[in-house]
Protein backbone atom coordinates (compact mmCIF):
# COMPACT_ATOMS: atom_id res chain seq x y z
CA UNK A 1 -0.37 0.03 0.13
CA UNK A 2 1.61 3.56 -0.25
CA UNK A 3 2.55 5.74 2.88
CA UNK A 4 0.47 8.81 1.76
CA UNK A 5 2.67 11.27 1.10
CA UNK A 6 4.49 14.39 3.65
CA UNK A 7 3.53 17.47 3.18
CA UNK A 8 6.07 19.93 1.95
CA UNK A 9 7.41 22.49 4.49
CA UNK A 10 6.80 25.54 4.19
CA UNK A 11 9.50 28.51 3.64
CA UNK A 12 7.91 32.00 5.28
CA UNK A 13 10.30 34.79 4.55
CA UNK A 14 9.36 37.91 7.42
CA UNK A 15 11.87 40.45 5.61
CA UNK A 16 10.04 43.10 3.12
CA UNK A 17 8.78 41.83 1.04
CA UNK A 18 7.20 39.41 2.90
CA UNK A 19 6.93 35.44 0.52
CA UNK A 20 5.92 32.16 1.40
CA UNK A 21 8.06 29.47 -0.70
CA UNK A 22 9.82 32.19 -2.80
CA UNK A 23 6.01 34.10 -3.87
CA UNK A 24 4.97 37.50 -2.79
CA UNK A 25 2.63 37.20 -0.11
CA UNK A 26 -0.31 39.52 1.07
CA UNK A 27 1.00 41.03 4.93
CA UNK A 28 -2.03 40.96 6.25
CA UNK A 29 -2.64 36.67 5.57
CA UNK A 30 1.49 35.89 6.40
CA UNK A 31 0.82 37.80 9.75
CA UNK A 32 -1.67 36.11 10.92
CA UNK A 33 -0.24 32.62 10.00
CA UNK A 34 3.05 33.71 11.81
CA UNK A 35 0.68 34.23 14.58
CA UNK A 36 -0.89 31.24 14.83
CA UNK A 37 2.16 29.34 14.42
CA UNK A 38 3.70 31.58 17.26
CA UNK A 39 0.42 30.87 19.27
CA UNK A 40 1.20 26.82 18.55
CA UNK A 41 4.37 27.21 20.27
CA UNK A 42 4.52 29.58 22.60
CA UNK A 43 0.38 29.76 24.22
CA UNK A 44 -3.08 28.20 24.40
CA UNK A 45 -3.14 27.65 20.22
CA UNK A 46 -5.87 30.34 19.88
CA UNK A 47 -5.99 33.64 17.77
CA UNK A 48 -8.98 35.42 18.71
CA UNK A 49 -10.15 38.28 16.34
CA UNK A 50 -8.73 40.84 19.41
CA UNK A 51 -5.71 39.92 17.84
CA UNK A 52 -5.50 41.12 14.93
CA UNK A 53 -7.75 44.02 15.83
CA UNK A 54 -5.21 46.93 15.91
CA UNK A 55 -2.30 45.33 14.41
CA UNK A 56 -3.30 44.30 10.60
CA UNK A 57 -7.42 45.74 10.16
CA UNK A 58 -9.91 47.10 12.11
CA UNK A 59 -13.06 46.51 12.93
CA UNK A 60 -14.50 47.71 10.46
CA UNK A 61 -12.16 45.09 7.85
CA UNK A 62 -12.15 42.70 9.75
CA UNK A 63 -14.21 39.93 7.85
CA UNK A 64 -12.72 41.45 5.00
CA UNK A 65 -9.27 40.43 5.97
CA UNK A 66 -10.22 37.37 7.86
CA UNK A 67 -11.29 35.95 3.61
CA UNK A 68 -8.66 37.27 2.33
CA UNK A 69 -5.95 35.22 4.33
CA UNK A 70 -8.01 31.71 4.04
CA UNK A 71 -8.25 32.41 -0.25
CA UNK A 72 -4.41 32.95 0.52
CA UNK A 73 -3.86 29.57 2.34
CA UNK A 74 -5.85 27.51 0.30
CA UNK A 75 -3.40 28.87 -2.63
CA UNK A 76 -0.84 28.01 -0.25
CA UNK A 77 -2.01 25.06 1.04
CA UNK A 78 -1.66 24.54 4.17
CA UNK A 79 -4.86 23.42 6.33
CA UNK A 80 -6.35 26.84 8.92
CA UNK A 81 -8.87 25.89 11.32
CA UNK A 82 -11.45 27.94 13.52
CA UNK A 83 -13.93 27.66 16.64
CA UNK A 84 -12.71 26.75 19.97
CA UNK A 85 -12.25 23.03 19.91
CA UNK A 86 -8.93 22.54 18.52
CA UNK A 87 -8.78 19.48 17.68
CA UNK A 88 -11.65 19.07 15.42
CA UNK A 89 -10.41 18.90 11.73
CA UNK A 90 -10.49 21.13 9.28
CA UNK A 91 -12.38 19.80 6.72
CA UNK A 92 -15.54 19.37 9.20
CA UNK A 93 -15.75 22.90 10.54
CA UNK A 94 -18.60 25.27 9.50
CA UNK A 95 -16.95 27.43 7.09
CA UNK A 96 -20.30 30.11 7.97
CA UNK A 97 -18.36 30.79 11.60
CA UNK A 98 -14.70 30.61 10.38
CA UNK A 99 -14.72 34.75 10.18
CA UNK A 100 -16.18 34.68 13.94
CA UNK A 101 -12.72 33.36 15.06
CA UNK A 102 -10.64 32.14 16.58
CA UNK A 103 -8.24 30.45 14.55
CA UNK A 104 -5.67 27.70 15.39
CA UNK A 105 -2.81 25.88 13.42
CA UNK A 106 -3.46 21.47 13.73
CA UNK A 107 -0.14 19.80 14.67
CA UNK A 108 0.78 18.55 11.53
CA UNK A 109 0.30 22.09 9.63
CA UNK A 110 2.65 24.83 12.44
CA UNK A 111 5.23 21.57 11.93
CA UNK A 112 5.42 22.64 8.49
CA UNK A 113 5.67 26.45 8.91
CA UNK A 114 9.25 27.71 8.67
CA UNK A 115 10.30 31.13 9.15
CA UNK A 116 13.07 33.38 8.06
CA UNK A 117 14.78 36.07 7.81
CA UNK A 118 16.94 36.76 4.54
CA UNK A 119 17.16 33.01 4.13
CA UNK A 120 18.13 32.21 7.41
CA UNK A 121 16.02 30.43 10.34
CA UNK A 122 14.32 33.37 12.30
CA UNK A 123 15.18 33.57 15.99
CA UNK A 124 12.20 33.54 18.34
CA UNK A 125 12.75 37.02 19.22
CA UNK A 126 12.57 38.17 15.45
CA UNK A 127 9.62 36.41 14.88
CA UNK A 128 7.70 38.23 17.85
CA UNK A 129 9.72 41.37 16.70
CA UNK A 130 7.98 40.44 13.41
CA UNK A 131 4.14 40.10 15.04
CA UNK A 132 4.88 43.41 17.73
CA UNK A 133 5.45 40.89 20.31
CA UNK A 134 7.42 40.20 23.64
CA UNK A 135 9.46 37.63 23.62
CA UNK A 136 9.47 35.25 26.36
CA UNK A 137 10.94 32.20 27.02
CA UNK A 138 7.94 29.31 27.46
CA UNK A 139 7.85 27.63 30.44
CA UNK A 140 7.36 24.27 31.05
CA UNK A 141 7.49 21.94 33.90
CA UNK A 142 10.73 20.55 34.88
CA UNK A 143 11.04 17.55 37.37
CA UNK A 144 10.60 18.95 40.98
CA UNK A 145 9.34 22.22 40.09
CA UNK A 146 6.94 23.96 42.19
CA UNK A 147 3.11 23.11 41.43
CA UNK A 148 2.27 25.81 38.52
CA UNK A 149 -0.01 27.57 41.15
CA UNK A 150 2.30 28.57 43.24
CA UNK A 151 3.98 32.73 43.52
CA UNK A 152 6.38 32.40 40.83
CA UNK A 153 9.30 35.55 40.63
CA UNK A 154 7.58 36.49 37.04
CA UNK A 155 5.03 37.13 38.81
CA UNK A 156 5.98 40.75 39.46
CA UNK A 157 6.27 41.17 35.68
CA UNK A 158 2.93 40.04 35.84
CA UNK A 159 0.88 41.75 37.91
CA UNK A 160 3.10 45.29 36.56
CA UNK A 161 2.10 44.29 33.01
CA UNK A 162 -1.53 44.45 34.40
CA UNK A 163 -1.32 47.74 36.22
CA UNK A 164 -0.01 49.08 34.06
CA UNK A 165 -3.29 48.54 31.83
CA UNK A 166 -5.33 49.61 34.66
CA UNK A 167 -3.75 52.83 34.61
CA UNK A 168 -3.72 53.32 31.08
CA UNK A 169 -7.88 52.56 31.34
CA UNK A 170 -7.99 55.50 33.90
CA UNK A 171 -6.30 57.32 31.69
CA UNK A 172 -8.59 56.92 28.91
CA UNK A 173 -5.85 54.86 26.73
CA UNK A 174 -7.99 52.18 25.75
CA UNK A 175 -7.50 50.54 22.35
CA UNK A 176 -6.08 53.34 19.67
CA UNK A 177 -1.77 54.21 20.78
CA UNK A 178 -2.15 57.81 22.42
CA UNK A 179 0.24 60.58 21.70
CA UNK A 180 3.28 60.70 23.83
CA UNK A 181 2.70 57.23 25.42
CA UNK A 182 5.82 55.74 24.34
CA UNK A 183 7.61 58.40 26.26
CA UNK A 184 6.80 56.43 29.21
CA UNK A 185 8.44 53.26 27.88
CA UNK A 186 5.05 51.43 28.71
CA UNK A 187 2.51 50.42 26.09
CA UNK A 188 0.32 53.21 24.93
CA UNK A 189 -2.84 51.10 25.64
CA UNK A 190 -4.73 49.31 28.30
CA UNK A 191 -5.67 46.85 25.34
CA UNK A 192 -2.04 45.95 24.67
CA UNK A 193 -1.02 46.58 28.29
CA UNK A 194 -3.41 43.40 28.81
CA UNK A 195 -2.79 41.44 26.22
CA UNK A 196 0.55 41.52 27.37
CA UNK A 197 0.40 40.69 30.68
CA UNK A 198 -1.36 37.33 28.86
CA UNK A 199 2.15 36.61 27.79
CA UNK A 200 3.64 36.72 31.49
CA UNK A 201 0.39 35.32 33.05
CA UNK A 202 1.27 32.24 34.75
CA UNK A 203 -1.21 30.14 36.51
CA UNK A 204 -5.21 29.64 35.71
CA UNK A 205 -6.02 32.97 37.99
CA UNK A 206 -3.60 34.98 35.87
CA UNK A 207 -5.47 34.06 32.50
CA UNK A 208 -8.74 34.58 33.77
CA UNK A 209 -8.12 38.07 35.48
CA UNK A 210 -6.92 38.79 32.19
CA UNK A 211 -9.31 37.90 30.61
CA UNK A 212 -11.66 39.87 32.90
CA UNK A 213 -9.93 42.77 32.53
CA UNK A 214 -10.02 42.34 28.81
CA UNK A 215 -13.82 42.26 28.74
CA UNK A 216 -14.30 44.72 30.41
CA UNK A 217 -12.34 47.33 28.01
CA UNK A 218 -13.90 46.27 25.17
CA UNK A 219 -16.90 47.01 27.14
CA UNK A 220 -15.70 50.30 27.54
CA UNK A 221 -15.02 50.88 24.69
CA UNK A 222 -18.75 50.13 23.71
CA UNK A 223 -18.30 46.59 21.42
CA UNK A 224 -20.71 44.57 23.20
CA UNK A 225 -19.52 41.54 20.89
CA UNK A 226 -15.78 41.85 22.03
CA UNK A 227 -16.98 41.74 25.50
CA UNK A 228 -19.27 38.95 25.35
CA UNK A 229 -17.22 36.96 23.52
CA UNK A 230 -14.45 37.76 26.65
CA UNK A 231 -16.89 36.76 29.25
CA UNK A 232 -18.12 33.45 27.53
CA UNK A 233 -13.85 32.46 27.61
CA UNK A 234 -14.13 33.53 31.18
CA UNK A 235 -17.13 31.16 31.76
CA UNK A 236 -14.69 28.05 30.35
CA UNK A 237 -11.65 29.21 31.87
CA UNK A 238 -14.01 29.23 35.37
CA UNK A 239 -15.38 25.69 34.40
CA UNK A 240 -12.52 23.98 33.05
CA UNK A 241 -10.14 24.74 36.25
CA UNK A 242 -11.12 25.66 39.62
CA UNK A 243 -9.35 28.97 39.67
CA UNK A 244 -8.63 30.57 42.60
CA UNK A 245 -10.54 33.83 43.18
CA UNK A 246 -13.00 32.12 41.55
CA UNK A 247 -16.27 33.45 43.41
CA UNK A 248 -14.96 37.69 42.39
CA UNK A 249 -14.35 36.43 38.82
CA UNK A 250 -17.79 34.93 38.87
CA UNK A 251 -19.03 37.91 40.57
CA UNK A 252 -17.29 40.60 37.98
CA UNK A 253 -18.13 38.01 34.94
CA UNK A 254 -22.18 38.56 36.34
CA UNK A 255 -21.35 42.45 36.77
CA UNK A 256 -19.98 42.94 33.24
CA UNK A 257 -22.54 40.95 31.52
CA UNK A 258 -24.97 43.85 33.59
CA UNK A 259 -22.80 46.47 31.63
CA UNK A 260 -22.85 44.82 28.07
CA UNK A 261 -27.35 44.71 28.81
CA UNK A 262 -27.21 47.86 30.25
CA UNK A 263 -25.16 49.08 27.37
CA UNK A 264 -27.64 48.05 24.91
CA UNK A 265 -30.72 49.59 26.84
CA UNK A 266 -31.86 46.59 27.73
CA UNK A 267 -32.72 47.26 31.35
CA UNK A 268 -34.65 44.35 32.17
CA UNK A 269 -31.74 42.15 31.50
CA UNK A 270 -29.46 43.95 33.35
CA UNK A 271 -31.41 43.89 36.53
CA UNK A 272 -32.22 40.42 36.01
CA UNK A 273 -28.43 39.77 36.52
CA UNK A 274 -27.79 42.20 39.57
CA UNK A 275 -30.77 40.43 41.21
CA UNK A 276 -29.77 37.28 40.56
CA UNK A 277 -26.32 38.15 41.33
CA UNK A 278 -27.26 38.85 44.61
CA UNK A 279 -29.20 36.56 45.50
CA UNK A 280 -27.14 33.94 44.81
CA UNK A 281 -25.07 32.56 48.05
CA UNK A 282 -21.68 32.29 46.91
CA UNK A 283 -22.19 35.56 44.73
CA UNK A 284 -23.97 38.00 47.71
CA UNK A 285 -21.01 36.57 49.58
CA UNK A 286 -18.76 38.06 47.52
CA UNK A 287 -20.92 41.39 47.26
CA UNK A 288 -21.18 42.16 51.09
CA UNK A 289 -17.83 41.79 51.51
CA UNK A 290 -15.70 43.41 48.25
CA UNK A 291 -16.15 46.68 48.41
CA UNK A 292 -14.92 46.82 44.43
CA UNK A 293 -17.55 44.11 43.78
CA UNK A 294 -19.84 46.11 45.97
CA UNK A 295 -19.60 49.47 43.81
CA UNK A 296 -20.06 47.90 40.67
CA UNK A 297 -23.15 46.42 41.39
CA UNK A 298 -24.35 49.43 42.85
CA UNK A 299 -23.49 52.56 40.66
CA UNK A 300 -24.82 50.41 37.98
CA UNK A 301 -27.87 49.10 39.78
CA UNK A 302 -28.06 53.51 40.14
CA UNK A 303 -28.29 53.79 36.66
CA UNK A 304 -30.55 50.98 35.45
CA UNK A 305 -33.09 52.78 37.85
CA UNK A 306 -32.14 56.03 37.10
CA UNK A 307 -33.19 55.27 33.51
CA UNK A 308 -36.51 53.49 34.61
CA UNK A 309 -37.10 56.53 37.01
CA UNK A 310 -37.23 58.80 33.54
CA UNK A 311 -38.77 56.31 31.80
CA UNK A 312 -41.52 56.30 33.65
CA UNK A 313 -42.33 59.83 34.87
CA UNK A 314 -44.75 60.91 32.14
CA UNK A 315 -46.97 57.95 33.02
CA UNK A 316 -46.48 56.14 35.93
CA UNK A 317 -45.56 59.87 38.93
CA UNK A 318 -45.06 57.57 42.24
CA UNK A 319 -43.78 54.17 40.91
CA UNK A 320 -40.68 56.58 39.20
CA UNK A 321 -40.35 58.60 42.09
CA UNK A 322 -39.82 54.69 44.32
CA UNK A 323 -37.13 54.46 41.30
CA UNK A 324 -35.52 57.72 41.37
CA UNK A 325 -35.27 57.27 45.22
CA UNK A 326 -34.05 54.11 44.91
CA UNK A 327 -31.51 55.28 42.63
CA UNK A 328 -30.06 58.00 44.79
CA UNK A 329 -29.66 55.48 47.61
CA UNK A 330 -27.95 53.46 45.58
CA UNK A 331 -25.47 55.69 44.15
CA UNK A 332 -25.03 56.49 47.94
CA UNK A 333 -23.76 53.76 48.99
CA UNK A 334 -21.80 53.30 45.79
CA UNK A 335 -20.09 56.34 46.99
CA UNK A 336 -18.78 54.73 50.05
CA UNK A 337 -17.86 51.77 48.67
CA UNK A 338 -15.22 53.18 46.33
CA UNK A 339 -13.72 55.33 49.42
CA UNK A 340 -14.61 51.96 51.64
CA UNK A 341 -11.76 50.32 48.58
CA UNK A 342 -9.78 54.50 48.38
CA UNK A 343 -10.36 54.00 44.97
CA UNK A 344 -11.17 58.03 43.40
CA UNK A 345 -11.51 56.78 40.70
CA UNK A 346 -14.71 55.78 40.96
CA UNK A 347 -15.55 57.76 43.80
CA UNK A 348 -15.26 60.19 40.56
CA UNK A 349 -17.52 58.51 38.79
CA UNK A 350 -20.45 57.46 40.44
CA UNK A 351 -20.11 61.03 42.26
CA UNK A 352 -21.09 62.81 38.12
CA UNK A 353 -23.30 60.16 38.29
CA UNK A 354 -25.29 61.10 40.82
CA UNK A 355 -25.15 64.96 39.98
CA UNK A 356 -26.53 64.46 36.76
CA UNK A 357 -29.63 61.91 38.52
CA UNK A 358 -30.41 64.97 40.79
CA UNK A 359 -31.14 67.93 37.68
CA UNK A 360 -32.32 64.80 35.38
CA UNK A 361 -35.34 63.78 37.93
CA UNK A 362 -35.53 67.33 38.89
CA UNK A 363 -35.81 67.78 34.73
CA UNK A 364 -38.95 65.63 35.00
CA UNK A 365 -40.22 66.47 37.71
CA UNK A 366 -39.22 64.78 40.17
CA UNK A 367 -37.52 67.37 42.40
CA UNK A 368 -39.64 66.51 45.14
CA UNK A 369 -37.48 63.35 46.51
CA UNK A 370 -36.88 63.68 49.84
CA UNK A 371 -33.21 62.69 48.81
CA UNK A 372 -32.80 65.71 46.82
CA UNK A 373 -34.41 68.52 50.30
CA UNK A 374 -31.96 70.37 51.52
CA UNK A 375 -33.10 72.05 54.81
CA UNK A 376 -36.80 71.97 53.86
CA UNK A 377 -36.31 72.87 49.80
CA UNK A 378 -34.59 71.97 47.35
CA UNK A 379 -31.93 73.23 44.80
CA UNK A 380 -31.33 71.20 42.34
CA UNK A 381 -29.42 72.85 40.46
CA UNK A 382 -26.74 73.37 42.70
CA UNK A 383 -26.53 70.20 44.11
CA UNK A 384 -25.99 68.57 41.45
CA UNK A 385 -23.11 70.99 39.91
CA UNK A 386 -21.64 70.29 43.28
CA UNK A 387 -21.46 66.67 43.03
CA UNK A 388 -20.35 66.44 39.29
CA UNK A 389 -17.66 69.42 40.50
CA UNK A 390 -16.52 67.48 43.01
CA UNK A 391 -15.69 65.02 40.73
CA UNK A 392 -13.99 66.90 38.76
CA UNK A 393 -12.14 67.60 41.75
CA UNK A 394 -11.28 63.79 42.27
CA UNK A 395 -10.21 63.52 38.88
CA UNK A 396 -7.54 66.67 39.29
CA UNK A 397 -6.25 64.83 42.61
CA UNK A 398 -5.99 61.30 41.48
CA UNK A 399 -1.96 60.87 40.44
CA UNK A 400 -1.85 60.34 36.39
CA UNK A 401 -5.65 60.54 36.14
CA UNK A 402 -7.18 61.89 33.16
CA UNK A 403 -9.81 64.50 32.93
CA UNK A 404 -13.45 62.74 32.94
CA UNK A 405 -15.22 64.06 29.31
CA UNK A 406 -17.87 62.78 30.91
CA UNK A 407 -18.09 65.90 33.96
CA UNK A 408 -17.82 68.41 31.01
CA UNK A 409 -20.59 67.11 29.08
CA UNK A 410 -23.05 66.79 31.83
CA UNK A 411 -22.41 70.47 32.99
CA UNK A 412 -22.66 71.86 29.22
CA UNK A 413 -26.27 69.63 29.80
CA UNK A 414 -26.89 71.46 32.95
CA UNK A 415 -25.63 74.93 31.78
CA UNK A 416 -28.02 75.16 28.20
CA UNK A 417 -30.66 72.92 30.05
CA UNK A 418 -33.12 75.86 30.73
CA UNK A 419 -32.76 76.96 27.11
CA UNK A 420 -36.29 76.16 25.65
CA UNK A 421 -37.27 77.62 22.44
CA UNK A 422 -39.94 76.54 20.09
CA UNK A 423 -38.69 73.56 17.81
CA UNK A 424 -36.29 74.29 15.53
CA UNK A 425 -36.24 78.31 15.42
CA UNK A 426 -34.94 80.40 14.09
CA UNK A 427 -31.10 81.53 14.34
CA UNK A 428 -31.97 85.01 16.36
CA UNK A 429 -34.22 82.93 18.36
CA UNK A 430 -31.89 80.64 19.20
CA UNK A 431 -29.00 82.80 20.29
CA UNK A 432 -31.29 85.20 22.37
CA UNK A 433 -31.00 82.08 24.65
CA UNK A 434 -29.17 82.67 27.39
CA UNK A 435 -27.22 79.27 28.96
CA UNK A 436 -25.20 79.24 31.77
CA UNK A 437 -21.84 79.82 31.13
CA UNK A 438 -18.67 78.45 32.76
CA UNK A 439 -18.03 81.52 35.33
CA UNK A 440 -22.06 80.45 36.85
CA UNK A 441 -21.47 77.32 37.15
CA UNK A 442 -18.41 77.85 38.86
CA UNK A 443 -20.10 79.75 41.13
CA UNK A 444 -22.69 76.89 42.13
CA UNK A 445 -20.25 75.27 42.83
CA UNK A 446 -19.15 76.99 45.88
CA UNK A 447 -16.88 75.85 47.73
CA UNK A 448 -15.87 73.20 45.29
CA UNK A 449 -14.83 75.87 42.34
CA UNK A 450 -11.49 75.00 42.26
CA UNK A 451 -12.24 72.08 40.79
CA UNK A 452 -12.30 74.05 37.43
CA UNK A 453 -8.74 75.79 36.93
CA UNK A 454 -8.38 77.72 33.52
CA UNK A 455 -5.79 75.37 32.27
CA UNK A 456 -9.02 72.73 31.65
CA UNK A 457 -12.21 74.73 32.16
CA UNK A 458 -12.01 77.37 29.79
CA UNK A 459 -14.35 80.83 28.93
CA UNK A 460 -16.58 79.87 27.11
CA UNK A 461 -18.38 76.38 26.50
CA UNK A 462 -17.63 76.20 22.63
CA UNK A 463 -14.07 76.38 23.82
CA UNK A 464 -14.22 73.91 26.49
CA UNK A 465 -15.76 71.26 23.97
CA UNK A 466 -13.12 72.21 20.86
CA UNK A 467 -10.48 71.74 23.64
CA UNK A 468 -11.18 68.17 24.97
CA UNK A 469 -12.07 67.98 21.39
CA UNK A 470 -9.15 68.45 20.32
CA UNK A 471 -7.62 66.60 22.83
CA UNK A 472 -9.40 63.39 20.87
CA UNK A 473 -8.24 64.24 17.41
CA UNK A 474 -4.97 64.77 18.63
CA UNK A 475 -4.36 61.72 20.12
CA UNK A 476 -3.77 62.86 23.27
CA UNK A 477 -7.11 61.30 24.25
CA UNK A 478 -9.32 58.45 23.06
CA UNK A 479 -13.27 59.12 23.85
CA UNK A 480 -15.51 56.30 23.16
CA UNK A 481 -18.56 56.74 20.99
CA UNK A 482 -20.66 57.61 22.93
CA UNK A 483 -18.80 60.29 24.24
CA UNK A 484 -17.07 61.74 22.03
CA UNK A 485 -20.94 61.89 19.91
CA UNK A 486 -22.16 64.00 23.20
CA UNK A 487 -18.51 66.55 22.71
CA UNK A 488 -19.45 66.90 19.11
CA UNK A 489 -23.33 68.11 19.40
CA UNK A 490 -22.28 69.86 23.00
CA UNK A 491 -19.74 71.54 20.59
CA UNK A 492 -22.35 72.56 17.73
CA UNK A 493 -25.30 73.64 19.90
CA UNK A 494 -22.68 76.72 21.59
CA UNK A 495 -20.64 77.03 18.06
CA UNK A 496 -24.33 77.89 17.06
CA UNK A 497 -24.96 80.19 19.57
CA UNK A 498 -21.92 82.28 19.47
CA UNK A 499 -22.37 82.39 15.86
CA UNK A 500 -20.54 80.35 13.86
CA UNK A 501 -22.53 77.99 12.17
CA UNK A 502 -19.56 76.86 10.12
CA UNK A 503 -17.91 75.39 12.81
CA UNK A 504 -21.44 73.83 14.67
CA UNK A 505 -22.09 72.40 11.32
CA UNK A 506 -18.56 71.00 10.73
CA UNK A 507 -19.13 69.24 14.47
CA UNK A 508 -22.59 68.06 12.83
CA UNK A 509 -20.91 66.37 9.79
CA UNK A 510 -18.85 64.40 12.33
CA UNK A 511 -21.37 63.33 14.42
CA UNK A 512 -23.47 62.33 11.31
CA UNK A 513 -20.68 60.04 10.41
CA UNK A 514 -19.95 58.66 13.98
CA UNK A 515 -24.13 58.07 14.85
CA UNK A 516 -24.18 54.45 13.06
CA UNK A 517 -21.75 52.96 16.41
CA UNK A 518 -23.80 53.54 18.79
CA UNK A 519 -27.13 51.78 19.96
CA UNK A 520 -30.52 52.42 18.75
CA UNK A 521 -31.96 54.49 22.02
CA UNK A 522 -28.70 57.04 21.68
CA UNK A 523 -28.95 57.32 17.97
CA UNK A 524 -32.53 58.36 19.30
CA UNK A 525 -31.85 61.03 21.50
CA UNK A 526 -28.93 62.90 19.06
CA UNK A 527 -31.77 62.50 16.02
CA UNK A 528 -33.88 64.39 18.07
CA UNK A 529 -31.80 66.95 19.51
CA UNK A 530 -30.56 67.98 16.04
CA UNK A 531 -34.19 67.76 14.69
CA UNK A 532 -35.76 70.08 17.55
CA UNK A 533 -33.71 72.40 19.05
CA UNK A 534 -30.79 73.69 16.97
CA UNK A 535 -31.26 76.65 15.02
CA UNK A 536 -33.05 76.35 11.23
CA UNK A 537 -30.18 78.23 9.32
CA UNK A 538 -28.15 75.66 10.75
CA UNK A 539 -30.51 72.82 10.24
CA UNK A 540 -30.89 73.49 6.92
CA UNK A 541 -27.46 73.50 5.87
CA UNK A 542 -26.76 70.41 8.05
CA UNK A 543 -29.07 68.09 7.47
CA UNK A 544 -30.25 65.64 10.39
CA UNK A 545 -30.19 62.21 10.20
CA UNK A 546 -34.31 60.88 9.57
CA UNK A 547 -36.14 60.64 12.90
CA UNK A 548 -37.25 56.53 13.53
CA UNK A 549 -40.35 55.69 12.36
CA UNK A 550 -41.35 54.54 15.80
CA UNK A 551 -41.95 56.60 18.75
CA UNK A 552 -41.48 60.64 17.36
CA UNK A 553 -41.59 61.59 21.49
CA UNK A 554 -38.74 63.64 22.10
CA UNK A 555 -36.47 61.48 24.17
CA UNK A 556 -35.37 62.48 28.03
CA UNK A 557 -31.50 61.61 27.58
CA UNK A 558 -30.46 59.49 29.75
CA UNK A 559 -26.35 58.36 29.94
């Protein structure tokens, strides 16, 4: 019987122009092949879509890159697998799910790949350099070596990298490189840092912690699909291994899942997940005794209650008032938990949320809540401004903490909140409105007015918005979709109020391009505001997006 032929080796030249077996090769396809071979030799064996994003593609072109790569793999006569099960034969896999990844090389195919640099065998460092990874020695268990979950000296490098990722996230360096980031010698983004931490993880718990932090980053970036995929991976990691700290990981997995639901505006699902977590024996115990988990739970529960209260304020005032009262109570518990864990970053988030909640409740006729009364009467705008000023003061007194875009957005909304012209006012009517200027807001802040230093808070709102947009454009900050869209709209509003219709029209053009990335309810808010509150002359030049076919009631913004 004739023996099956051994597949020929693949000679992969890494130097430009890249080639496979002497023939020119598309860089993106070759990069993915080399990345899979590297993962087979040095990591878990899987290459996920997140590994491609930012290296060879962005979110909008990933599917095209994967399709082109698999056409090239076929031309190179190499089989590549996809999905979580690396033991399957690629020829039996469902090609319709191929674009979802993750990708891997069967062992026989990985043996064929020979990496070259200038015709000679590439070193591990050269392969890592080509891929944009840091080279590391593979950890193998030697006879007599300590158990895998023992404390290793290299753990310090892992924890250092984890801290670098969390610090980058606090400073707004989430995914894309930020100008000047490399000057510190640290990776320029939180996502890059957490992936590097993954290459240093030595225990199941460390690997699971990396997956959790990646899910949290994708959630903050507004990519619910990626966040949910990482949560699924975390669930598999926890089920496959007895992971130290498993109760904490399970609790945070539940909270991030609830955040994804809230971001998608699925409020019943978000509240159901949080309620189930509180009722679970193990996770409920973590919730009671872990202040970071308690902060996350209370803050998100309060946000859900806030959204539900605003939605019910027109039709069921008593139910809305009860939810609003519960929201403020939970915000207070979240603030206490933040200080219990000595997290000023967490405290500034919940302080801003509390201030905006107070102002929004007042806007929909819920200002007589006991929690909003002070000395027998409510001065809601002043209290709202002071909470947001406190948030900004915390930002300024936290080492390395970037200024919050939300604080500026909230204050600009409050400043123009009493301006209620007729729908589609003329430019003259629009400019006759008198929004509060930054000086008036600073006066309302009272003893917290020192939060608004001149360097970050110019004398005009249009300049406040422009400064933050300039930081985003220049790469000094990277604001996720909803924050970026909010800054663009506020800039357009205040530029039009200052009479600069050209600048307003330009911001609305950028806003139109950015809106598709938002969930429908958030898009609806900007569409309604664009149609109804901006001057008719501007609306005529910068035509707003079409209103949704469903309800055309003006939405009350809840962030």
